[in-house]
Amino acid sequence: MILRNHVFAITGFLALAATGHAAGAPSLALSDVNSILGQAAQAATIYSPNSVIAVTDREGFVLGVYGVAGPPSATQTANAIAKAGRPRS
């Protein structure tokens, strides 16, 4: 199945690197965020070339946003962040 105009949202806690963040919680390094965005963009190029990918941390703070087909519009960015930025308990 090929998805078109789909917004991929990837939450940062899926690929955590333990670095001793506040209260001992794991956090993501810049290289982790770049790796997540790169891997997601590679998959999105095949399945959904108009995707917008957002990476957030557990608290919902935006760590990175990438538009596979070029710079995303404000609406596309907001949609991707909204899907990725849901705090987890």
Foldseek 3Di string as FASTA:
>chain_A
DADEPDEAEDEQVVDFDQDQDPPRDTHDDLVSVVVVVVVVLVVCVVRYQQYKYWYYYQQLHTPDIDGNVDDDDPVRRVVRSVVHRDHDD
